[in-house]
Amino acid sequence: AFALIQGIYRWQKTPKPRPFIELAYGYLPLVLGANLAHYLDLGLGEAGRILPVTFATFGMAGNLPVMVADPAVIVFLQGVTLLAGLLFSVILTQKIAKQAWRLLVPQHLSAIALTFSLWTLILP
């Protein structure tokens, strides 16, 4: 994406683009959102069973509550988290670059492609 931005800069004589090291910070919301989306399954699906499993490990059987989210809700929240990470990634990249939106289209398209690949990896 950055090479394409450099090519647009040379071809159309647009303002000089920011270095890739600075633009890479724009991917942080997407990475954090993907990490959260990945672990939502464990957090909402398995964490509600901690008390019964812990008590059963020590031989103390009891009628403890089990709170587990529906799998459809977990998948929905994972998708929303990925899309929110993409949105915040685009906004942060725009704020970092301080350039016109059309000049950063390759950067945003690479974020969309990365989101799509994460979507296929994380969501069942």
Foldseek 3Di string as FASTA:
>chain_A
DVVVLVVCCVPVVDPDWDDVVLLVVLLVLLVVLLVCLQCLCCVQAPVQCVVQVVCVVVPNHDDDDRGHDDPVVSLVSSVVSNVVSLVSSLVVSCVRGVDDPVSCVVVSVVSVVVSVVSNVVRHD
